Each structure stands twice: as C-alpha cells, then as structure tokens.
Amino acid sequence: MSVLGRQAILQAIEAGAISITPFTPELVGPASVDLTLAGTFRVFRKVHQVVEVRENTDYREFTDKMEVPEDKHILIMPGETILGITRERLRLGPGLCGWLEGRSRFARLGLMVHISAPFMGPGIDSQQVLEMSNFGPAPLEVYPGIPICQFVFQRLEGNEKYEGHFAGQTEESF
C-alpha cells in the first residue's frame, strides 16, 4: 500500500478515480490535498446527563447545528469539542483509501481536527466530518473557508467498498 504523490493524485483525479468537489488545484500538496472548512457546525449542548456510548447513540441528539458565515468565526474554548465538516465532497474509486490528518500549523496552536477516526475507506462519497477539539490554553477563532486538514491517499489491495453508517454524509445530513 503506497501513498500517492502530487502527480499520482492529479492523474487519479483526471482518470476519475478520485473526485473532489469543489476542486482547487492549488490545494494539492506533495503527498496530500488540503480540504477546507465549511460554515456548518454542530456544537454540543451543555447537558447534565450521562450519554451512553453505544452503536445506536446519535450525536445529533446532543448537538445544535449552526451556520457561520465566511467572514465570521466560531470560537472553540480550551477543552471544548465541536463538529465541523469539509466544504469538499470526496469520492474514492476502487483500490483507493486514505487518511484525514490535521495540519501542523494549527496543531501547534492546540487544535486537533479529528479525535480517533482518521481512516476513510474505499468507495467513500461524502464530505468529511471533523471532530475539532481545542487542547491549547487559549480560545481559538476558527474561520470557514480555511484549509483545515489534509487528505492522504493510499492504494488498496483488493476491491472492497465502505458502505457503513456515514457513507454519503453531506452538510445537509450532518
């Protein structure tokens, strides 16, 4: 399983094996593509109840959806987690999978963009949900439109396809 470099990413896009909508060529790096932050967020309600961690627990029951215009920001307090979503919809054809990773420039401020779910399986066709947490000492202003994370593409042996619970997730269904 090898990681795709810039030229291999561009060739896969040209061949239709990777689809990124909207696509901005300037966001393709040497071995990844930066994805930008949409203006749709889910903020956890301050509840004083135990949340059961089970297969059928729905995060939407404990969050409020909010829209933030591009010229505004959302504030993430130290120790707080919110959910964001990428503007880009990413589709991977057969034989490809990948990893969603943060960007070091923001990690150095204490921002983590995913808690424990960086792997994206073959056949995904969705916007990527981000579990954004502030592990730093200061509140963070986060702006829609910023290149918030990067996606690393990897070749997969076999023809498997992800058809799980979040297949096809978009801003509307998020």
N, C-alpha and C. Protein backbone atom coordinates (compact mmCIF):
# COMPACT_ATOMS: atom_id res chain seq x y z
N MET A 1 0.85 -1.18 0.00
CA MET A 1 0.00 0.00 0.00
C MET A 1 0.89 1.23 0.00
N SER A 2 0.81 1.98 -1.09
CA SER A 2 1.67 3.15 -1.22
C SER A 2 0.85 4.43 -1.14
N VAL A 3 1.49 5.51 -0.71
CA VAL A 3 0.88 6.82 -0.64
C VAL A 3 1.03 7.50 -1.99
N LEU A 4 -0.02 8.16 -2.46
CA LEU A 4 0.03 8.85 -3.75
C LEU A 4 0.70 10.21 -3.59
N GLY A 5 1.63 10.50 -4.48
CA GLY A 5 2.26 11.81 -4.56
C GLY A 5 1.43 12.75 -5.42
N ARG A 6 1.88 14.00 -5.53
CA ARG A 6 1.13 15.03 -6.26
C ARG A 6 0.73 14.59 -7.66
N GLN A 7 1.68 14.11 -8.45
CA GLN A 7 1.36 13.72 -9.83
C GLN A 7 0.38 12.56 -9.88
N ALA A 8 0.55 11.58 -8.99
CA ALA A 8 -0.37 10.44 -8.95
C ALA A 8 -1.78 10.88 -8.53
N ILE A 9 -1.87 11.84 -7.61
CA ILE A 9 -3.17 12.38 -7.20
C ILE A 9 -3.85 13.06 -8.38
N LEU A 10 -3.11 13.92 -9.08
CA LEU A 10 -3.67 14.63 -10.23
C LEU A 10 -4.08 13.66 -11.34
N GLN A 11 -3.29 12.61 -11.57
CA GLN A 11 -3.64 11.60 -12.57
C GLN A 11 -4.91 10.85 -12.16
N ALA A 12 -5.03 10.52 -10.88
CA ALA A 12 -6.22 9.81 -10.40
C ALA A 12 -7.47 10.70 -10.52
N ILE A 13 -7.31 11.99 -10.31
CA ILE A 13 -8.43 12.93 -10.49
C ILE A 13 -8.82 12.99 -11.96
N GLU A 14 -7.82 13.12 -12.81
CA GLU A 14 -8.05 13.16 -14.27
C GLU A 14 -8.75 11.90 -14.76
N ALA A 15 -8.38 10.74 -14.20
CA ALA A 15 -8.95 9.46 -14.61
C ALA A 15 -10.31 9.19 -13.96
N GLY A 16 -10.71 10.02 -13.00
CA GLY A 16 -11.99 9.83 -12.33
C GLY A 16 -11.95 8.87 -11.15
N ALA A 17 -10.76 8.41 -10.77
CA ALA A 17 -10.63 7.51 -9.61
C ALA A 17 -10.78 8.27 -8.30
N ILE A 18 -10.48 9.57 -8.33
CA ILE A 18 -10.69 10.46 -7.19
C ILE A 18 -11.53 11.62 -7.69
N SER A 19 -12.54 11.99 -6.91
CA SER A 19 -13.34 13.17 -7.23
C SER A 19 -13.36 14.06 -5.99
N ILE A 20 -13.04 15.34 -6.18
CA ILE A 20 -13.09 16.33 -5.11
C ILE A 20 -13.93 17.49 -5.63
N THR A 21 -15.05 17.76 -4.95
CA THR A 21 -15.96 18.81 -5.41
C THR A 21 -16.28 19.76 -4.27
N PRO A 22 -15.97 21.05 -4.40
CA PRO A 22 -15.25 21.69 -5.49
C PRO A 22 -13.75 21.36 -5.41
N PHE A 23 -13.09 21.38 -6.56
CA PHE A 23 -11.66 21.07 -6.63
C PHE A 23 -10.87 22.34 -6.85
N THR A 24 -9.84 22.55 -6.04
CA THR A 24 -8.92 23.68 -6.16
C THR A 24 -7.52 23.13 -6.33
N PRO A 25 -6.95 23.18 -7.55
CA PRO A 25 -5.63 22.58 -7.79
C PRO A 25 -4.53 23.09 -6.86
N GLU A 26 -4.64 24.34 -6.40
CA GLU A 26 -3.62 24.91 -5.52
C GLU A 26 -3.57 24.21 -4.16
N LEU A 27 -4.59 23.45 -3.82
CA LEU A 27 -4.62 22.77 -2.53
C LEU A 27 -3.98 21.38 -2.57
N VAL A 28 -3.48 21.00 -3.76
CA VAL A 28 -2.78 19.71 -3.88
C VAL A 28 -1.32 19.92 -3.47
N GLY A 29 -0.88 19.18 -2.46
CA GLY A 29 0.49 19.27 -1.98
C GLY A 29 1.33 18.14 -2.52
N PRO A 30 2.54 17.96 -1.99
CA PRO A 30 3.44 16.92 -2.48
C PRO A 30 2.92 15.50 -2.25
N ALA A 31 2.08 15.29 -1.21
CA ALA A 31 1.58 13.93 -0.94
C ALA A 31 0.20 13.96 -0.28
N SER A 32 -0.56 15.04 -0.50
CA SER A 32 -1.89 15.16 0.11
C SER A 32 -2.65 16.29 -0.57
N VAL A 33 -3.93 16.39 -0.23
CA VAL A 33 -4.76 17.50 -0.68
C VAL A 33 -5.35 18.17 0.56
N ASP A 34 -5.20 19.48 0.66
CA ASP A 34 -5.83 20.22 1.75
C ASP A 34 -7.33 20.31 1.50
N LEU A 35 -8.11 20.16 2.55
CA LEU A 35 -9.56 20.31 2.48
C LEU A 35 -9.95 21.51 3.34
N THR A 36 -10.94 22.26 2.88
CA THR A 36 -11.33 23.49 3.58
C THR A 36 -12.56 23.27 4.46
N LEU A 37 -12.72 24.15 5.41
CA LEU A 37 -13.78 24.05 6.40
C LEU A 37 -15.05 24.73 5.89
N ALA A 38 -16.16 24.00 5.91
CA ALA A 38 -17.46 24.58 5.58
C ALA A 38 -17.95 25.43 6.75
N GLY A 39 -19.03 26.15 6.54
CA GLY A 39 -19.57 27.02 7.59
C GLY A 39 -20.63 26.37 8.45
N THR A 40 -20.81 25.06 8.32
CA THR A 40 -21.80 24.33 9.11
C THR A 40 -21.10 23.61 10.26
N PHE A 41 -21.61 23.81 11.47
CA PHE A 41 -21.01 23.20 12.66
C PHE A 41 -22.10 22.57 13.51
N ARG A 42 -21.69 21.65 14.36
CA ARG A 42 -22.56 21.11 15.40
C ARG A 42 -21.84 21.35 16.73
N VAL A 43 -22.54 22.02 17.64
CA VAL A 43 -21.99 22.38 18.95
C VAL A 43 -22.72 21.56 20.01
N PHE A 44 -21.95 20.94 20.88
CA PHE A 44 -22.53 20.11 21.93
C PHE A 44 -23.25 20.98 22.96
N ARG A 45 -24.47 20.57 23.29
CA ARG A 45 -25.22 21.23 24.35
C ARG A 45 -24.59 20.87 25.69
N LYS A 46 -24.63 21.79 26.62
CA LYS A 46 -24.15 21.52 27.98
C LYS A 46 -25.26 20.74 28.69
N VAL A 47 -25.10 19.43 28.74
CA VAL A 47 -26.13 18.59 29.36
C VAL A 47 -25.58 18.00 30.65
N HIS A 48 -26.46 17.78 31.57
CA HIS A 48 -26.08 17.18 32.85
C HIS A 48 -26.70 15.80 32.93
N GLN A 49 -26.34 14.99 31.96
CA GLN A 49 -26.83 13.62 31.92
C GLN A 49 -25.71 12.74 31.36
N VAL A 50 -25.82 11.50 31.61
CA VAL A 50 -24.85 10.55 31.09
C VAL A 50 -25.25 10.21 29.65
N VAL A 51 -24.28 10.23 28.76
CA VAL A 51 -24.51 9.85 27.37
C VAL A 51 -23.98 8.43 27.20
N GLU A 52 -24.85 7.53 26.82
CA GLU A 52 -24.44 6.15 26.61
C GLU A 52 -23.66 6.03 25.30
N VAL A 53 -22.51 5.40 25.36
CA VAL A 53 -21.70 5.15 24.17
C VAL A 53 -22.08 3.77 23.66
N ARG A 54 -22.98 3.78 22.68
CA ARG A 54 -23.50 2.54 22.08
C ARG A 54 -23.58 2.73 20.57
N GLU A 55 -23.70 1.63 19.86
CA GLU A 55 -23.77 1.68 18.39
C GLU A 55 -24.90 2.57 17.89
N ASN A 56 -26.02 2.63 18.60
CA ASN A 56 -27.17 3.39 18.11
C ASN A 56 -27.27 4.80 18.70
N THR A 57 -26.27 5.26 19.46
CA THR A 57 -26.29 6.61 20.00
C THR A 57 -26.07 7.61 18.87
N ASP A 58 -26.92 8.62 18.78
CA ASP A 58 -26.87 9.61 17.70
C ASP A 58 -26.37 10.94 18.25
N TYR A 59 -25.21 11.37 17.78
CA TYR A 59 -24.60 12.63 18.24
C TYR A 59 -25.52 13.82 18.01
N ARG A 60 -26.42 13.74 17.05
CA ARG A 60 -27.32 14.87 16.75
C ARG A 60 -28.30 15.14 17.89
N GLU A 61 -28.53 14.13 18.75
CA GLU A 61 -29.41 14.33 19.90
C GLU A 61 -28.79 15.25 20.95
N PHE A 62 -27.48 15.44 20.89
CA PHE A 62 -26.76 16.19 21.92
C PHE A 62 -26.08 17.44 21.37
N THR A 63 -26.36 17.77 20.09
CA THR A 63 -25.72 18.91 19.45
C THR A 63 -26.75 19.81 18.79
N ASP A 64 -26.36 21.06 18.61
CA ASP A 64 -27.17 22.02 17.86
C ASP A 64 -26.40 22.40 16.61
N LYS A 65 -27.10 22.41 15.48
CA LYS A 65 -26.49 22.77 14.21
C LYS A 65 -26.48 24.29 14.08
N MET A 66 -25.37 24.83 13.60
CA MET A 66 -25.30 26.27 13.39
C MET A 66 -24.51 26.59 12.14
N GLU A 67 -24.85 27.71 11.52
CA GLU A 67 -24.17 28.18 10.32
C GLU A 67 -23.34 29.41 10.68
N VAL A 68 -22.10 29.45 10.18
CA VAL A 68 -21.21 30.58 10.43
C VAL A 68 -20.78 31.12 9.06
N PRO A 69 -21.05 32.41 8.78
CA PRO A 69 -20.62 33.00 7.50
C PRO A 69 -19.09 33.02 7.39
N GLU A 70 -18.59 33.05 6.15
CA GLU A 70 -17.14 33.01 5.93
C GLU A 70 -16.39 34.17 6.56
N ASP A 71 -17.02 35.32 6.70
CA ASP A 71 -16.32 36.46 7.28
C ASP A 71 -16.40 36.48 8.81
N LYS A 72 -17.03 35.46 9.39
CA LYS A 72 -17.14 35.34 10.84
C LYS A 72 -16.36 34.11 11.30
N HIS A 73 -16.35 33.86 12.60
CA HIS A 73 -15.62 32.71 13.13
C HIS A 73 -16.47 31.98 14.16
N ILE A 74 -16.06 30.78 14.46
CA ILE A 74 -16.63 30.04 15.58
C ILE A 74 -15.52 29.96 16.63
N LEU A 75 -15.88 30.10 17.88
CA LEU A 75 -14.91 30.10 18.98
C LEU A 75 -14.91 28.73 19.63
N ILE A 76 -13.72 28.13 19.72
CA ILE A 76 -13.57 26.85 20.41
C ILE A 76 -12.77 27.10 21.68
N MET A 77 -13.41 26.89 22.80
CA MET A 77 -12.77 27.14 24.09
C MET A 77 -11.83 25.99 24.46
N PRO A 78 -10.82 26.25 25.32
CA PRO A 78 -9.94 25.17 25.76
C PRO A 78 -10.76 24.01 26.35
N GLY A 79 -10.44 22.80 25.93
CA GLY A 79 -11.13 21.62 26.41
C GLY A 79 -12.44 21.32 25.70
N GLU A 80 -12.84 22.17 24.77
CA GLU A 80 -14.12 22.00 24.07
C GLU A 80 -13.95 21.24 22.77
N THR A 81 -14.97 20.46 22.42
CA THR A 81 -15.03 19.75 21.15
C THR A 81 -16.29 20.19 20.41
N ILE A 82 -16.14 20.49 19.12
CA ILE A 82 -17.28 20.76 18.25
C ILE A 82 -17.12 19.89 17.01
N LEU A 83 -18.17 19.79 16.23
CA LEU A 83 -18.09 19.07 14.97
C LEU A 83 -18.15 20.06 13.82
N GLY A 84 -17.26 19.87 12.86
CA GLY A 84 -17.27 20.65 11.63
C GLY A 84 -17.35 19.69 10.46
N ILE A 85 -17.36 20.23 9.27
CA ILE A 85 -17.41 19.39 8.07
C ILE A 85 -16.66 20.09 6.96
N THR A 86 -16.02 19.32 6.10
CA THR A 86 -15.29 19.92 4.99
C THR A 86 -16.25 20.46 3.94
N ARG A 87 -15.82 21.50 3.26
CA ARG A 87 -16.60 22.03 2.14
C ARG A 87 -16.60 21.03 0.99
N GLU A 88 -15.46 20.38 0.80
CA GLU A 88 -15.31 19.47 -0.33
C GLU A 88 -15.98 18.13 -0.07
N ARG A 89 -16.60 17.62 -1.11
CA ARG A 89 -17.10 16.25 -1.10
C ARG A 89 -16.04 15.41 -1.78
N LEU A 90 -15.66 14.33 -1.14
CA LEU A 90 -14.58 13.47 -1.62
C LEU A 90 -15.13 12.10 -1.98
N ARG A 91 -14.80 11.65 -3.20
CA ARG A 91 -15.18 10.31 -3.62
C ARG A 91 -13.93 9.54 -4.01
N LEU A 92 -13.81 8.33 -3.47
CA LEU A 92 -12.68 7.45 -3.78
C LEU A 92 -13.19 6.26 -4.57
N GLY A 93 -12.56 6.00 -5.70
CA GLY A 93 -12.91 4.84 -6.51
C GLY A 93 -12.30 3.57 -5.94
N PRO A 94 -12.54 2.45 -6.62
CA PRO A 94 -11.98 1.17 -6.17
C PRO A 94 -10.46 1.22 -6.08
N GLY A 95 -9.93 0.54 -5.09
CA GLY A 95 -8.48 0.46 -4.95
C GLY A 95 -7.84 1.64 -4.26
N LEU A 96 -8.65 2.56 -3.73
CA LEU A 96 -8.11 3.73 -3.02
C LEU A 96 -8.76 3.87 -1.66
N CYS A 97 -7.98 4.28 -0.69
CA CYS A 97 -8.47 4.63 0.64
C CYS A 97 -7.62 5.82 1.09
N GLY A 98 -7.78 6.25 2.32
CA GLY A 98 -6.96 7.38 2.73
C GLY A 98 -7.12 7.75 4.18
N TRP A 99 -6.37 8.78 4.54
CA TRP A 99 -6.27 9.23 5.93
C TRP A 99 -6.50 10.73 6.00
N LEU A 100 -7.38 11.12 6.89
CA LEU A 100 -7.63 12.53 7.16
C LEU A 100 -6.71 12.95 8.30
N GLU A 101 -5.93 13.96 8.07
CA GLU A 101 -4.96 14.40 9.07
C GLU A 101 -5.07 15.91 9.30
N GLY A 102 -4.68 16.33 10.47
CA GLY A 102 -4.63 17.75 10.78
C GLY A 102 -3.45 18.40 10.10
N ARG A 103 -3.35 19.70 10.26
CA ARG A 103 -2.21 20.45 9.73
C ARG A 103 -1.38 20.93 10.92
N SER A 104 -0.07 20.78 10.81
CA SER A 104 0.80 21.07 11.95
C SER A 104 0.71 22.52 12.40
N ARG A 105 0.48 23.45 11.48
CA ARG A 105 0.40 24.87 11.86
C ARG A 105 -0.73 25.12 12.85
N PHE A 106 -1.82 24.34 12.73
CA PHE A 106 -2.94 24.50 13.66
C PHE A 106 -2.78 23.62 14.90
N ALA A 107 -2.16 22.47 14.73
CA ALA A 107 -1.90 21.58 15.87
C ALA A 107 -1.01 22.29 16.88
N ARG A 108 -0.10 23.12 16.41
CA ARG A 108 0.80 23.85 17.30
C ARG A 108 0.08 24.91 18.12
N LEU A 109 -1.15 25.22 17.71
CA LEU A 109 -1.99 26.14 18.49
C LEU A 109 -2.89 25.38 19.47
N GLY A 110 -2.88 24.05 19.36
CA GLY A 110 -3.71 23.21 20.22
C GLY A 110 -4.94 22.65 19.54
N LEU A 111 -5.11 22.91 18.22
CA LEU A 111 -6.30 22.43 17.51
C LEU A 111 -6.08 21.03 16.96
N MET A 112 -6.96 20.13 17.34
CA MET A 112 -6.97 18.78 16.77
C MET A 112 -8.24 18.69 15.93
N VAL A 113 -8.12 18.18 14.68
CA VAL A 113 -9.29 18.15 13.80
C VAL A 113 -10.00 16.81 13.75
N HIS A 114 -9.40 15.78 14.30
CA HIS A 114 -10.11 14.51 14.42
C HIS A 114 -9.65 13.83 15.70
N ILE A 115 -10.60 13.21 16.38
CA ILE A 115 -10.28 12.59 17.66
C ILE A 115 -9.74 11.18 17.47
N SER A 116 -10.47 10.35 16.75
CA SER A 116 -9.99 8.97 16.61
C SER A 116 -10.49 8.29 15.34
N ALA A 117 -10.88 9.06 14.35
CA ALA A 117 -11.45 8.46 13.15
C ALA A 117 -10.81 9.02 11.88
N PRO A 118 -9.49 8.82 11.70
CA PRO A 118 -8.85 9.41 10.53
C PRO A 118 -8.96 8.59 9.24
N PHE A 119 -9.30 7.30 9.34
CA PHE A 119 -9.28 6.44 8.16
C PHE A 119 -10.56 6.57 7.35
N MET A 120 -10.41 6.71 6.04
CA MET A 120 -11.54 6.78 5.12
C MET A 120 -11.43 5.60 4.15
N GLY A 121 -12.45 4.78 4.11
CA GLY A 121 -12.42 3.55 3.33
C GLY A 121 -12.67 3.74 1.85
N PRO A 122 -12.42 2.70 1.09
CA PRO A 122 -12.63 2.75 -0.35
C PRO A 122 -14.11 2.95 -0.68
N GLY A 123 -14.36 3.74 -1.71
CA GLY A 123 -15.73 3.96 -2.15
C GLY A 123 -16.46 5.08 -1.42
N ILE A 124 -15.80 5.78 -0.49
CA ILE A 124 -16.49 6.88 0.19
C ILE A 124 -16.92 7.91 -0.84
N ASP A 125 -17.99 8.59 -0.54
CA ASP A 125 -18.50 9.66 -1.40
C ASP A 125 -19.22 10.64 -0.49
N SER A 126 -18.44 11.45 0.23
CA SER A 126 -19.05 12.30 1.25
C SER A 126 -18.15 13.47 1.60
N GLN A 127 -18.75 14.43 2.30
CA GLN A 127 -17.98 15.47 2.95
C GLN A 127 -17.47 14.86 4.25
N GLN A 128 -16.31 15.29 4.68
CA GLN A 128 -15.67 14.67 5.84
C GLN A 128 -16.00 15.43 7.11
N VAL A 129 -16.55 14.72 8.10
CA VAL A 129 -16.88 15.33 9.38
C VAL A 129 -15.61 15.39 10.23
N LEU A 130 -15.43 16.52 10.89
CA LEU A 130 -14.25 16.78 11.70
C LEU A 130 -14.65 16.90 13.17
N GLU A 131 -14.00 16.13 14.02
CA GLU A 131 -14.20 16.24 15.47
C GLU A 131 -13.12 17.19 15.96
N MET A 132 -13.44 18.48 16.04
CA MET A 132 -12.46 19.53 16.31
C MET A 132 -12.40 19.83 17.80
N SER A 133 -11.21 19.69 18.38
CA SER A 133 -11.02 19.91 19.81
C SER A 133 -9.89 20.90 20.04
N ASN A 134 -10.06 21.74 21.05
CA ASN A 134 -9.04 22.69 21.45
C ASN A 134 -8.30 22.13 22.66
N PHE A 135 -7.07 21.69 22.44
CA PHE A 135 -6.24 21.18 23.53
C PHE A 135 -5.23 22.22 24.01
N GLY A 136 -5.34 23.44 23.50
CA GLY A 136 -4.43 24.50 23.90
C GLY A 136 -4.96 25.29 25.08
N PRO A 137 -4.18 26.29 25.53
CA PRO A 137 -4.57 27.06 26.71
C PRO A 137 -5.47 28.26 26.41
N ALA A 138 -5.62 28.62 25.12
CA ALA A 138 -6.36 29.83 24.76
C ALA A 138 -7.54 29.49 23.85
N PRO A 139 -8.60 30.30 23.90
CA PRO A 139 -9.71 30.12 22.95
C PRO A 139 -9.19 30.28 21.51
N LEU A 140 -9.77 29.52 20.59
CA LEU A 140 -9.35 29.56 19.19
C LEU A 140 -10.50 30.05 18.31
N GLU A 141 -10.22 31.07 17.48
CA GLU A 141 -11.18 31.53 16.47
C GLU A 141 -10.93 30.73 15.20
N VAL A 142 -11.92 29.99 14.75
CA VAL A 142 -11.77 29.16 13.56
C VAL A 142 -12.72 29.69 12.49
N TYR A 143 -12.19 29.91 11.28
CA TYR A 143 -12.94 30.54 10.21
C TYR A 143 -13.31 29.57 9.10
N PRO A 144 -14.57 29.58 8.65
CA PRO A 144 -14.94 28.80 7.48
C PRO A 144 -14.10 29.21 6.27
N GLY A 145 -13.82 28.26 5.40
CA GLY A 145 -13.04 28.54 4.19
C GLY A 145 -11.56 28.26 4.34
N ILE A 146 -11.07 28.14 5.56
CA ILE A 146 -9.65 27.91 5.77
C ILE A 146 -9.29 26.46 5.44
N PRO A 147 -8.12 26.22 4.82
CA PRO A 147 -7.67 24.83 4.63
C PRO A 147 -7.35 24.23 6.01
N ILE A 148 -8.25 23.43 6.52
CA ILE A 148 -8.22 22.99 7.92
C ILE A 148 -7.53 21.65 8.12
N CYS A 149 -7.53 20.80 7.10
CA CYS A 149 -6.97 19.46 7.24
C CYS A 149 -6.42 19.01 5.89
N GLN A 150 -5.81 17.85 5.89
CA GLN A 150 -5.28 17.30 4.64
C GLN A 150 -5.71 15.85 4.51
N PHE A 151 -5.85 15.42 3.26
CA PHE A 151 -6.23 14.04 2.98
C PHE A 151 -5.07 13.37 2.26
N VAL A 152 -4.63 12.24 2.81
CA VAL A 152 -3.54 11.45 2.24
C VAL A 152 -4.16 10.24 1.56
N PHE A 153 -3.88 10.05 0.28
CA PHE A 153 -4.46 8.95 -0.50
C PHE A 153 -3.51 7.76 -0.50
N GLN A 154 -4.10 6.58 -0.45
CA GLN A 154 -3.30 5.36 -0.40
C GLN A 154 -3.93 4.31 -1.31
N ARG A 155 -3.07 3.56 -2.01
CA ARG A 155 -3.56 2.45 -2.84
C ARG A 155 -3.93 1.28 -1.93
N LEU A 156 -4.98 0.57 -2.31
CA LEU A 156 -5.53 -0.53 -1.52
C LEU A 156 -5.45 -1.81 -2.33
N GLU A 157 -5.05 -2.88 -1.69
CA GLU A 157 -5.07 -4.19 -2.35
C GLU A 157 -6.45 -4.79 -2.15
N GLY A 158 -7.13 -5.11 -3.23
CA GLY A 158 -8.48 -5.66 -3.16
C GLY A 158 -9.50 -4.68 -3.71
N ASN A 159 -10.75 -5.09 -3.76
CA ASN A 159 -11.82 -4.27 -4.34
C ASN A 159 -12.93 -3.97 -3.34
N GLU A 160 -12.59 -3.83 -2.09
CA GLU A 160 -13.58 -3.58 -1.06
C GLU A 160 -14.17 -2.18 -1.21
N LYS A 161 -15.35 -1.98 -0.58
CA LYS A 161 -16.02 -0.68 -0.63
C LYS A 161 -16.68 -0.42 0.72
N TYR A 162 -16.51 0.80 1.24
CA TYR A 162 -17.15 1.19 2.50
C TYR A 162 -18.63 1.47 2.26
N GLU A 163 -19.48 0.83 3.04
CA GLU A 163 -20.92 1.06 2.94
C GLU A 163 -21.52 1.23 4.33
N GLY A 164 -20.76 1.86 5.22
CA GLY A 164 -21.16 1.99 6.61
C GLY A 164 -22.17 3.08 6.88
N HIS A 165 -22.37 3.34 8.15
CA HIS A 165 -23.38 4.27 8.66
C HIS A 165 -23.26 5.68 8.08
N PHE A 166 -22.04 6.17 7.88
CA PHE A 166 -21.85 7.54 7.45
C PHE A 166 -21.52 7.67 5.96
N ALA A 167 -21.71 6.62 5.19
CA ALA A 167 -21.48 6.68 3.74
C ALA A 167 -22.39 7.75 3.14
N GLY A 168 -21.84 8.61 2.34
CA GLY A 168 -22.63 9.63 1.66
C GLY A 168 -23.01 10.83 2.51
N GLN A 169 -22.37 11.02 3.66
CA GLN A 169 -22.72 12.14 4.53
C GLN A 169 -22.40 13.48 3.87
N THR A 170 -23.32 14.45 4.03
CA THR A 170 -23.15 15.80 3.48
C THR A 170 -23.48 16.82 4.56
N GLU A 171 -23.31 18.09 4.24
CA GLU A 171 -23.65 19.15 5.18
C GLU A 171 -25.11 19.07 5.61
N GLU A 172 -25.99 18.70 4.68
CA GLU A 172 -27.42 18.62 4.99
C GLU A 172 -27.71 17.49 5.98
N SER A 173 -27.09 16.33 5.79
CA SER A 173 -27.38 15.19 6.66
C SER A 173 -26.54 15.19 7.93
N PHE A 174 -25.51 16.01 7.97
CA PHE A 174 -24.62 16.12 9.11
C PHE A 174 -25.36 16.84 10.22
